[in-house]
Amino acid sequence: MLTTGKPDCAATVVRLRQTFDTGRTLDLDWRRTQLRAMVEMLADNGDAIVEAVTDDLRRPPFETWLAEIVATVNEARYAVKNVGKWTRRRHRRLEWTQLPGRAWIEYEPYGTVLIVGPWNVPFQLSLTPAIGAIAAGNTLVVKPSELAPASSRLMAELAPRYLDPEAVAVVEGDGAVTQELIAQGLDRVLFTGGTAVGHKIMAAAADHLTPVTLELGGKSPVIIAEDADVRTAARRIAWIKLMNSGQICVAPDYVLVHGAVRDRFVEEIRSAIADFRAETPAGLPIVNERQFARLAGALAATVGDVVIGGGTDSERLEIEPTVVVQPDPAEPLMTDEIFGPILPVLAVESVEHAVEFVRRRPKPLAAYLFTASKETRDRVIRAVPAGGMVINQLLLQVATARMPFGGVGPSGMGAYHGRFGFEEFSHRKSVLAKPTRPDLTAMFYPPYADKRLRMLRRLV
């Protein structure tokens, strides 16, 4: 659906519901056809997607191919291969008191669902949830972010050319459009974005008791133990922190490094940034003036030591890759999600002190640990609450269709990718089938006799 002017949200939802009511989306062949069409759409239009994302974010083409196209194509292909298996009934063994009988879980789609995408990874974070929704047999509305207008416009142009336009709609617009769509009483909503907007999404959905999935980000910590491979840690952290100018929900937000290796880590990350940025301008692009002003203000307010970068360009909306050592834990760089190319680094006395620091703060979307010790690894995994954890690497938990991805507490609720996306958009309906003969339930019919009560007591 390509919108011009104000979209008719009510008419769009009515059309999608009518399609769902026909039962068309329940057919496995329909689901596989749509998922293959998603692959074709991305493969055919890779250059156009790169151009749109470049217009919106000034992101290098390599990063767009990697994050937006390759990752999403792999997700769709995985769903094509496995959706038949995912939809099968899952039989359950009954207690002897329920025999004779059979029990199973039947997966049924919610109906018509809404996916609200973010601006920072506009195609992957809109279409990967859509893959789960289609695999589950729903009709759906995708509402891309208005802060990535070229990407939103291209998505709206491409979707009806490749996907069933009576079952999949792309509606463009701002937050008011999102609220109007939710007001239609949809069957499920998935939102990716900031915590403040997440509160509004959940409040609007509550009016209709619409279940929600929220992926909200947060301050994802990196813990570097004394025994870590410091050079590898620095290079991997720099790689992800520079990607998309640090505007990634699972980017490393701050580093807690053992004091014995802090200075070495700073020098290694300085070297890594110099290597990775040798042929590129000093500044990294920020999406808009509001985000630039927020980041520049936090940088100006820090009491930490700016040891790398720190330069800002308000005309070009660019900020240099920046490392700040020992900021105040109460300042904006340490209380607000950064979502930019600024990395605070704090020295800690031990891994235990790092764990304590993280546990005093809201649960993050991701937590990272660099260590050579299995004992340290297992101790931190058990002690640090987070949506997900990665050991000796970063971000790649988002790139697999075989693991759930989602937050916990303030960083979100629900999870998707692969089978987990299919299940997130499916109602697990319990089915219990009993024979009519023999009618063993007759012993429980009234009138109730003392003999039956004594029998029940013996069962407890």
Protein backbone atom coordinates (compact mmCIF):
# COMPACT_ATOMS: atom_id res chain seq x y z
CA MET A 1 0.00 0.00 0.00
CA LEU A 2 1.55 3.30 -1.09
CA THR A 3 0.10 6.16 0.87
CA THR A 4 -0.33 9.72 -0.34
CA GLY A 5 -1.41 12.27 2.24
CA LYS A 6 -3.05 11.03 5.44
CA PRO A 7 -3.54 7.26 5.39
CA ASP A 8 -6.97 5.76 6.05
CA CYS A 9 -5.95 3.51 8.91
CA ALA A 10 -9.44 2.22 9.60
CA ALA A 11 -10.04 1.18 5.99
CA THR A 12 -6.64 -0.50 5.82
CA VAL A 13 -7.30 -2.57 8.93
CA VAL A 14 -10.80 -3.51 7.74
CA ARG A 15 -9.35 -4.76 4.44
CA LEU A 16 -6.69 -6.81 6.19
CA ARG A 17 -9.21 -8.33 8.58
CA GLN A 18 -11.46 -9.29 5.68
CA THR A 19 -8.52 -11.05 4.07
CA PHE A 20 -7.71 -12.87 7.29
CA ASP A 21 -11.32 -13.99 7.65
CA THR A 22 -11.14 -15.73 4.26
CA GLY A 23 -8.55 -18.13 5.71
CA ARG A 24 -6.09 -17.40 2.88
CA THR A 25 -3.16 -16.72 5.22
CA LEU A 26 -3.61 -20.04 7.03
CA ASP A 27 -2.40 -21.90 3.94
CA LEU A 28 1.25 -22.97 4.23
CA ASP A 29 1.83 -22.40 0.53
CA TRP A 30 0.65 -18.80 0.90
CA ARG A 31 3.07 -18.24 3.78
CA ARG A 32 6.02 -19.73 1.90
CA THR A 33 5.14 -17.71 -1.21
CA GLN A 34 5.17 -14.46 0.78
CA LEU A 35 8.45 -15.32 2.49
CA ARG A 36 10.11 -16.17 -0.83
CA ALA A 37 8.76 -12.89 -2.23
CA MET A 38 10.41 -11.09 0.69
CA VAL A 39 13.75 -12.61 -0.33
CA GLU A 40 13.16 -11.60 -3.93
CA MET A 41 12.20 -8.06 -2.93
CA LEU A 42 15.42 -7.55 -0.98
CA ALA A 43 17.66 -9.24 -3.55
CA ASP A 44 16.19 -7.38 -6.52
CA ASN A 45 16.36 -3.98 -4.86
CA GLY A 46 19.61 -4.06 -2.90
CA ASP A 47 21.05 -0.98 -4.60
CA ALA A 48 17.85 0.99 -4.08
CA ILE A 49 17.80 0.02 -0.40
CA VAL A 50 21.42 1.12 -0.01
CA GLU A 51 20.59 4.45 -1.66
CA ALA A 52 17.58 5.03 0.59
CA VAL A 53 19.49 4.22 3.78
CA THR A 54 22.35 6.43 2.62
CA ASP A 55 19.90 9.30 2.15
CA ASP A 56 18.49 8.76 5.64
CA LEU A 57 21.57 7.86 7.68
CA ARG A 58 24.69 8.41 5.53
CA ARG A 59 25.65 4.84 6.42
CA PRO A 60 28.40 3.01 4.44
CA PRO A 61 26.92 0.66 1.79
CA PHE A 62 28.76 -2.36 3.25
CA GLU A 63 26.98 -1.94 6.58
CA THR A 64 23.61 -1.62 4.84
CA TRP A 65 24.15 -4.79 2.81
CA LEU A 66 25.27 -6.64 5.93
CA ALA A 67 22.58 -5.45 8.33
CA GLU A 68 19.56 -4.68 6.19
CA ILE A 69 19.76 -7.12 3.29
CA VAL A 70 21.90 -10.19 4.08
CA ALA A 71 20.57 -10.60 7.63
CA THR A 72 16.93 -10.23 6.57
CA VAL A 73 17.27 -12.53 3.54
CA ASN A 74 18.80 -15.22 5.75
CA GLU A 75 15.94 -14.85 8.23
CA ALA A 76 13.32 -15.21 5.49
CA ARG A 77 15.02 -18.23 3.92
CA TYR A 78 15.24 -19.91 7.32
CA ALA A 79 11.51 -19.35 7.82
CA VAL A 80 10.67 -20.80 4.37
CA LYS A 81 12.63 -23.92 5.26
CA ASN A 82 11.13 -24.41 8.70
CA VAL A 83 7.62 -22.95 8.76
CA GLY A 84 6.01 -26.31 8.02
CA LYS A 85 7.71 -27.81 11.06
CA TRP A 86 6.81 -24.85 13.25
CA THR A 87 3.09 -25.14 12.50
CA ARG A 88 2.80 -28.81 13.47
CA ARG A 89 0.79 -29.75 16.50
CA ARG A 90 2.87 -30.32 19.62
CA HIS A 91 1.37 -33.31 21.38
CA ARG A 92 1.54 -33.48 25.18
CA ARG A 93 1.38 -36.53 27.42
CA LEU A 94 -1.57 -36.40 29.84
CA GLU A 95 -1.67 -37.34 33.51
CA TRP A 96 -3.25 -40.74 34.20
CA THR A 97 -6.25 -38.99 35.75
CA GLN A 98 -6.99 -37.40 32.35
CA LEU A 99 -6.95 -40.68 30.42
CA PRO A 100 -8.34 -41.70 28.05
CA GLY A 101 -7.72 -38.65 25.94
CA ARG A 102 -5.27 -36.74 23.75
CA ALA A 103 -3.78 -33.28 24.19
CA TRP A 104 -1.86 -30.96 21.92
CA ILE A 105 -0.92 -27.35 21.33
CA GLU A 106 -2.37 -25.85 18.17
CA TYR A 107 -0.65 -22.76 16.78
CA GLU A 108 -3.07 -20.22 15.41
CA PRO A 109 -2.33 -16.68 14.16
CA TYR A 110 -3.54 -13.74 16.22
CA GLY A 111 -5.22 -12.13 13.22
CA THR A 112 -4.21 -8.64 12.06
CA VAL A 113 -1.04 -7.32 13.68
CA LEU A 114 0.99 -4.11 13.64
CA ILE A 115 4.77 -3.79 13.40
CA VAL A 116 6.20 -0.35 14.20
CA GLY A 117 9.76 -0.10 12.91
CA PRO A 118 12.63 2.19 14.01
CA TRP A 119 14.76 4.58 11.97
CA ASN A 120 18.22 3.23 12.80
CA VAL A 121 18.01 -0.14 10.96
CA PRO A 122 14.83 0.57 9.02
CA PHE A 123 14.53 -2.49 6.78
CA GLN A 124 15.80 -5.28 9.02
CA LEU A 125 13.99 -4.17 12.17
CA SER A 126 10.71 -3.75 10.27
CA LEU A 127 10.88 -6.80 8.03
CA THR A 128 12.39 -9.39 10.38
CA PRO A 129 9.37 -9.16 12.72
CA ALA A 130 7.17 -9.21 9.60
CA ILE A 131 8.74 -12.55 8.65
CA GLY A 132 7.58 -14.01 11.96
CA ALA A 133 4.11 -12.54 11.53
CA ILE A 134 3.74 -13.94 8.00
CA ALA A 135 5.11 -17.34 9.01
CA ALA A 136 2.46 -17.46 11.74
CA GLY A 137 -0.31 -16.74 9.19
CA ASN A 138 -1.31 -13.20 10.17
CA THR A 139 -2.24 -10.25 8.04
CA LEU A 140 -0.16 -7.25 9.01
CA VAL A 141 0.51 -3.55 8.88
CA VAL A 142 4.11 -2.31 8.84
CA LYS A 143 4.55 1.30 9.95
CA PRO A 144 8.14 2.38 9.19
CA SER A 145 9.74 5.27 11.04
CA GLU A 146 9.09 8.72 9.65
CA LEU A 147 12.64 9.64 10.77
CA ALA A 148 13.98 7.52 7.89
CA PRO A 149 11.73 8.93 5.14
CA ALA A 150 13.57 7.57 2.09
CA SER A 151 13.56 4.05 3.56
CA SER A 152 9.91 4.35 4.56
CA ARG A 153 8.92 5.54 1.09
CA LEU A 154 10.85 2.74 -0.64
CA MET A 155 9.33 0.10 1.64
CA ALA A 156 5.86 1.41 0.82
CA GLU A 157 6.64 1.27 -2.90
CA LEU A 158 8.16 -2.22 -2.89
CA ALA A 159 5.78 -4.12 -0.60
CA PRO A 160 2.69 -4.18 -2.89
CA ARG A 161 4.87 -5.14 -5.86
CA TYR A 162 6.14 -8.30 -4.17
CA LEU A 163 3.79 -9.16 -1.29
CA ASP A 164 0.06 -9.87 -1.19
CA PRO A 165 -1.39 -6.31 -0.98
CA GLU A 166 -4.61 -7.59 0.55
CA ALA A 167 -2.71 -9.15 3.45
CA VAL A 168 0.38 -6.97 3.95
CA ALA A 169 0.18 -3.16 4.08
CA VAL A 170 2.87 -0.54 4.62
CA VAL A 171 1.42 2.63 6.12
CA GLU A 172 3.62 5.71 6.34
CA GLY A 173 3.27 8.45 8.91
CA ASP A 174 4.30 9.78 12.30
CA GLY A 175 3.40 8.84 15.84
CA ALA A 176 -0.18 10.00 15.38
CA VAL A 177 -0.62 7.43 12.62
CA THR A 178 0.76 4.74 14.93
CA GLN A 179 -1.74 5.74 17.61
CA GLU A 180 -4.60 5.68 15.09
CA LEU A 181 -3.60 2.20 13.94
CA ILE A 182 -3.48 0.91 17.52
CA ALA A 183 -6.89 2.48 18.12
CA GLN A 184 -8.36 0.04 15.57
CA GLY A 185 -8.01 -2.70 18.20
CA LEU A 186 -5.42 -4.81 16.43
CA ASP A 187 -4.63 -8.33 17.58
CA ARG A 188 -0.96 -7.75 18.44
CA VAL A 189 1.58 -4.91 18.27
CA LEU A 190 5.36 -5.13 18.02
CA PHE A 191 7.31 -1.90 18.56
CA THR A 192 11.03 -1.28 18.27
CA GLY A 193 12.31 2.05 19.56
CA GLY A 194 12.88 4.18 22.64
CA THR A 195 11.51 3.59 26.13
CA ALA A 196 9.47 6.83 26.23
CA VAL A 197 7.55 5.91 23.07
CA GLY A 198 7.29 2.32 24.30
CA HIS A 199 5.28 3.59 27.29
CA LYS A 200 2.88 5.36 24.89
CA ILE A 201 2.52 2.26 22.72
CA MET A 202 1.72 0.08 25.71
CA ALA A 203 -0.74 2.61 27.14
CA ALA A 204 -2.61 2.89 23.82
CA ALA A 205 -2.71 -0.89 23.39
CA ALA A 206 -4.07 -1.31 26.92
CA ASP A 207 -7.36 0.35 25.90
CA HIS A 208 -8.07 -2.69 23.72
CA LEU A 209 -6.13 -5.25 25.81
CA THR A 210 -3.91 -5.70 22.74
CA PRO A 211 -0.81 -7.78 23.59
CA VAL A 212 2.46 -6.01 22.85
CA THR A 213 6.05 -6.92 22.11
CA LEU A 214 8.52 -4.15 22.96
CA GLU A 215 12.19 -3.95 21.99
CA LEU A 216 13.41 -0.84 23.78
CA GLY A 217 17.19 -0.87 24.02
CA GLY A 218 18.88 0.47 27.14
CA LYS A 219 22.44 0.86 28.33
CA SER A 220 24.23 -2.32 27.29
CA PRO A 221 27.41 -2.81 29.34
CA VAL A 222 30.69 -4.48 28.40
CA ILE A 223 32.70 -6.12 31.18
CA ILE A 224 36.38 -6.74 30.48
CA ALA A 225 38.06 -9.08 32.93
CA GLU A 226 41.77 -8.90 33.78
CA ASP A 227 42.42 -12.13 31.85
CA ALA A 228 40.66 -10.94 28.65
CA ASP A 229 42.31 -10.69 25.25
CA VAL A 230 42.39 -6.91 25.48
CA ARG A 231 43.40 -6.20 21.88
CA THR A 232 40.63 -8.38 20.45
CA ALA A 233 38.12 -6.88 22.87
CA ALA A 234 39.10 -3.34 21.86
CA ARG A 235 38.85 -4.06 18.13
CA ARG A 236 35.48 -5.79 18.40
CA ILE A 237 34.07 -3.04 20.61
CA ALA A 238 35.35 -0.34 18.25
CA TRP A 239 33.88 -2.14 15.22
CA ILE A 240 30.37 -2.27 16.67
CA LYS A 241 30.52 1.17 18.31
CA LEU A 242 31.45 2.75 14.98
CA MET A 243 28.83 0.82 13.00
CA ASN A 244 25.89 3.06 12.07
CA SER A 245 27.58 5.77 14.20
CA GLY A 246 26.75 3.77 17.31
CA GLN A 247 23.04 4.17 16.59
CA ILE A 248 22.22 0.53 17.32
CA CYS A 249 20.06 -0.71 20.20
CA VAL A 250 22.59 -3.40 21.20
CA ALA A 251 25.72 -1.28 20.69
CA PRO A 252 28.15 -1.25 23.64
CA ASP A 253 26.98 1.66 25.77
CA TYR A 254 29.76 1.71 28.36
CA VAL A 255 32.77 -0.40 29.35
CA LEU A 256 33.67 -1.66 32.81
CA VAL A 257 37.29 -2.74 32.54
CA HIS A 258 39.55 -4.17 35.22
CA GLY A 259 41.80 -1.40 36.49
CA ALA A 260 44.95 -3.41 35.77
CA VAL A 261 44.25 -3.36 32.01
CA ARG A 262 42.33 -0.10 31.62
CA ASP A 263 45.15 1.97 30.13
CA ARG A 264 46.09 -0.83 27.76
CA PHE A 265 42.46 -1.12 26.65
CA VAL A 266 42.30 2.63 25.94
CA GLU A 267 45.42 2.47 23.80
CA GLU A 268 44.16 -0.57 21.92
CA ILE A 269 40.81 1.05 21.16
CA ARG A 270 42.65 4.21 20.05
CA SER A 271 44.66 2.07 17.64
CA ALA A 272 41.55 0.23 16.43
CA ILE A 273 39.66 3.47 15.71
CA ALA A 274 42.65 4.84 13.83
CA ASP A 275 42.85 1.65 11.73
CA PHE A 276 39.13 1.49 11.00
CA ARG A 277 38.79 5.21 10.19
CA ALA A 278 42.04 5.73 8.28
CA GLU A 279 40.31 6.42 4.96
CA THR A 280 37.19 8.19 6.21
CA PRO A 281 36.33 11.64 7.59
CA ALA A 282 36.83 12.35 11.26
CA GLY A 283 33.15 12.73 12.14
CA LEU A 284 30.36 10.16 12.14
CA PRO A 285 26.87 11.24 10.98
CA ILE A 286 24.02 11.61 13.47
CA VAL A 287 20.46 11.14 12.24
CA ASN A 288 19.03 14.59 13.04
CA GLU A 289 19.54 17.83 14.95
CA ARG A 290 17.69 16.67 18.04
CA GLN A 291 19.84 13.59 18.47
CA PHE A 292 22.99 15.59 17.71
CA ALA A 293 22.12 18.22 20.32
CA ARG A 294 21.42 15.53 22.92
CA LEU A 295 24.77 13.81 22.32
CA ALA A 296 26.76 17.04 22.11
CA GLY A 297 25.14 18.21 25.34
CA ALA A 298 26.00 15.01 27.17
CA LEU A 299 29.57 15.25 25.93
CA ALA A 300 29.85 18.88 27.04
CA ALA A 301 28.52 17.98 30.48
CA THR A 302 30.92 15.13 31.22
CA VAL A 303 33.44 15.38 34.05
CA GLY A 304 35.34 12.45 32.56
CA ASP A 305 38.59 12.69 30.62
CA VAL A 306 37.97 12.80 26.85
CA VAL A 307 40.99 10.79 25.71
CA ILE A 308 39.91 10.08 22.11
CA GLY A 309 37.91 12.32 19.78
CA GLY A 310 35.39 14.69 21.29
CA GLY A 311 34.97 16.93 18.24
CA THR A 312 31.47 17.91 17.04
CA ASP A 313 30.24 19.60 13.86
CA SER A 314 26.77 21.11 14.20
CA GLU A 315 26.53 22.03 10.51
CA ARG A 316 27.21 18.52 9.26
CA LEU A 317 25.60 16.85 12.31
CA GLU A 318 28.73 14.79 12.94
CA ILE A 319 30.53 13.64 16.08
CA GLU A 320 34.01 12.14 16.19
CA PRO A 321 34.43 8.64 17.62
CA THR A 322 34.91 9.51 21.28
CA VAL A 323 36.17 7.71 24.39
CA VAL A 324 35.54 9.23 27.81
CA VAL A 325 37.45 7.78 30.77
CA GLN A 326 35.96 7.83 34.27
CA PRO A 327 32.77 9.86 33.77
CA ASP A 328 30.57 10.44 36.80
CA PRO A 329 28.10 7.53 37.10
CA ALA A 330 25.32 10.08 37.68
CA GLU A 331 25.94 12.20 34.54
CA PRO A 332 23.92 11.86 31.30
CA LEU A 333 26.54 9.70 29.56
CA MET A 334 26.00 7.11 32.28
CA THR A 335 22.29 7.47 32.95
CA ASP A 336 20.82 7.80 29.44
CA GLU A 337 21.18 5.43 26.50
CA ILE A 338 23.90 7.02 24.34
CA PHE A 339 22.89 5.81 20.86
CA GLY A 340 25.90 7.48 19.29
CA PRO A 341 29.68 7.18 18.79
CA ILE A 342 30.62 8.01 22.40
CA LEU A 343 32.03 5.31 24.68
CA PRO A 344 32.44 5.82 28.44
CA VAL A 345 35.12 3.67 30.06
CA LEU A 346 35.25 3.05 33.81
CA ALA A 347 37.89 1.11 35.74
CA VAL A 348 36.68 -1.45 38.27
CA GLU A 349 38.56 -3.42 40.91
CA SER A 350 37.16 -6.79 39.90
CA VAL A 351 34.54 -8.58 37.86
CA GLU A 352 32.41 -8.73 41.01
CA HIS A 353 32.45 -4.93 41.27
CA ALA A 354 31.44 -4.70 37.59
CA VAL A 355 28.55 -7.10 38.16
CA GLU A 356 27.40 -5.09 41.18
CA PHE A 357 27.53 -1.88 39.10
CA VAL A 358 25.36 -3.39 36.33
CA ARG A 359 22.87 -4.92 38.77
CA ARG A 360 22.19 -1.53 40.37
CA ARG A 361 20.92 -0.22 37.03
CA PRO A 362 17.90 -1.09 34.84
CA LYS A 363 18.13 -4.42 33.04
CA PRO A 364 19.80 -3.88 29.64
CA LEU A 365 18.87 -5.31 26.27
CA ALA A 366 22.33 -6.86 25.95
CA ALA A 367 25.34 -7.49 28.17
CA TYR A 368 28.82 -8.38 26.96
CA LEU A 369 31.77 -10.05 28.67
CA PHE A 370 35.35 -10.55 27.59
CA THR A 371 37.22 -13.19 29.56
CA ALA A 372 39.36 -16.29 29.06
CA SER A 373 37.87 -18.00 32.10
CA LYS A 374 34.94 -20.40 31.91
CA GLU A 375 34.38 -19.87 35.62
CA THR A 376 34.15 -16.09 35.17
CA ARG A 377 31.89 -16.54 32.17
CA ASP A 378 29.43 -18.74 34.01
CA ARG A 379 29.47 -16.52 37.12
CA VAL A 380 28.63 -13.39 35.12
CA ILE A 381 25.96 -15.13 33.04
CA ARG A 382 24.21 -16.19 36.25
CA ALA A 383 24.59 -12.82 37.99
CA VAL A 384 23.85 -10.23 35.29
CA PRO A 385 20.20 -9.88 34.18
CA ALA A 386 19.86 -8.85 30.53
CA GLY A 387 17.80 -9.53 27.44
CA GLY A 388 20.74 -11.53 26.07
CA MET A 389 24.47 -12.01 26.60
CA VAL A 390 27.43 -12.47 24.29
CA ILE A 391 30.84 -13.68 25.43
CA ASN A 392 33.99 -12.35 23.70
CA GLN A 393 31.98 -10.72 20.90
CA LEU A 394 29.20 -8.18 20.40
CA LEU A 395 25.93 -7.76 18.44
CA LEU A 396 25.98 -11.16 16.73
CA GLN A 397 23.14 -12.40 18.94
CA VAL A 398 20.89 -10.35 16.65
CA ALA A 399 22.18 -12.05 13.50
CA THR A 400 21.01 -15.60 14.18
CA ALA A 401 17.56 -16.99 13.48
CA ARG A 402 18.15 -19.83 15.93
CA MET A 403 18.03 -17.75 19.12
CA PRO A 404 15.36 -15.45 20.58
CA PHE A 405 16.11 -11.74 20.58
CA GLY A 406 14.37 -9.40 22.99
CA GLY A 407 14.62 -7.40 26.18
CA VAL A 408 13.66 -7.82 29.80
CA GLY A 409 12.13 -5.30 32.17
CA PRO A 410 12.84 -1.72 31.00
CA SER A 411 14.64 -3.01 27.89
CA GLY A 412 11.51 -4.67 26.56
CA MET A 413 9.25 -7.70 26.60
CA GLY A 414 8.79 -10.58 24.23
CA ALA A 415 11.30 -11.96 21.71
CA TYR A 416 11.49 -12.88 18.05
CA HIS A 417 13.69 -14.32 15.26
CA GLY A 418 13.23 -17.75 13.71
CA ARG A 419 10.80 -20.03 15.52
CA PHE A 420 10.61 -17.50 18.34
CA GLY A 421 9.20 -14.91 15.93
CA PHE A 422 6.64 -17.43 14.68
CA GLU A 423 5.61 -18.17 18.27
CA GLU A 424 5.52 -14.48 19.22
CA PHE A 425 2.86 -13.93 16.56
CA SER A 426 0.96 -17.17 17.30
CA HIS A 427 -1.55 -18.04 19.97
CA ARG A 428 -0.69 -21.40 21.54
CA LYS A 429 -4.15 -22.91 21.81
CA SER A 430 -4.49 -25.88 24.15
CA VAL A 431 -6.68 -28.66 22.75
CA LEU A 432 -7.93 -31.61 24.84
CA ALA A 433 -9.83 -34.36 22.98
CA LYS A 434 -11.79 -36.93 24.99
CA PRO A 435 -13.82 -39.94 23.85
CA THR A 436 -17.50 -40.21 24.74
CA ARG A 437 -17.18 -43.90 25.58
CA PRO A 438 -16.40 -45.13 28.14
CA ASP A 439 -17.82 -42.20 30.11
CA LEU A 440 -15.46 -42.29 33.08
CA THR A 441 -16.48 -38.81 34.14
CA ALA A 442 -19.81 -40.28 35.28
CA MET A 443 -18.19 -40.97 38.66
CA PHE A 444 -17.96 -37.19 39.17
CA TYR A 445 -21.57 -36.36 38.31
CA PRO A 446 -23.86 -35.26 41.14
CA PRO A 447 -25.36 -36.21 43.48
CA TYR A 448 -22.05 -36.46 45.34
CA ALA A 449 -21.71 -39.43 47.70
CA ASP A 450 -19.42 -39.79 50.71
CA LYS A 451 -17.77 -42.78 49.04
CA ARG A 452 -16.61 -40.58 46.14
CA LEU A 453 -15.30 -37.92 48.52
CA ARG A 454 -13.24 -40.55 50.37
CA MET A 455 -11.84 -41.66 47.02
CA LEU A 456 -10.81 -38.10 46.12
CA ARG A 457 -9.11 -37.67 49.47
CA ARG A 458 -7.00 -40.75 48.85
CA LEU A 459 -5.80 -39.22 45.56
CA VAL A 460 -4.38 -36.15 47.31
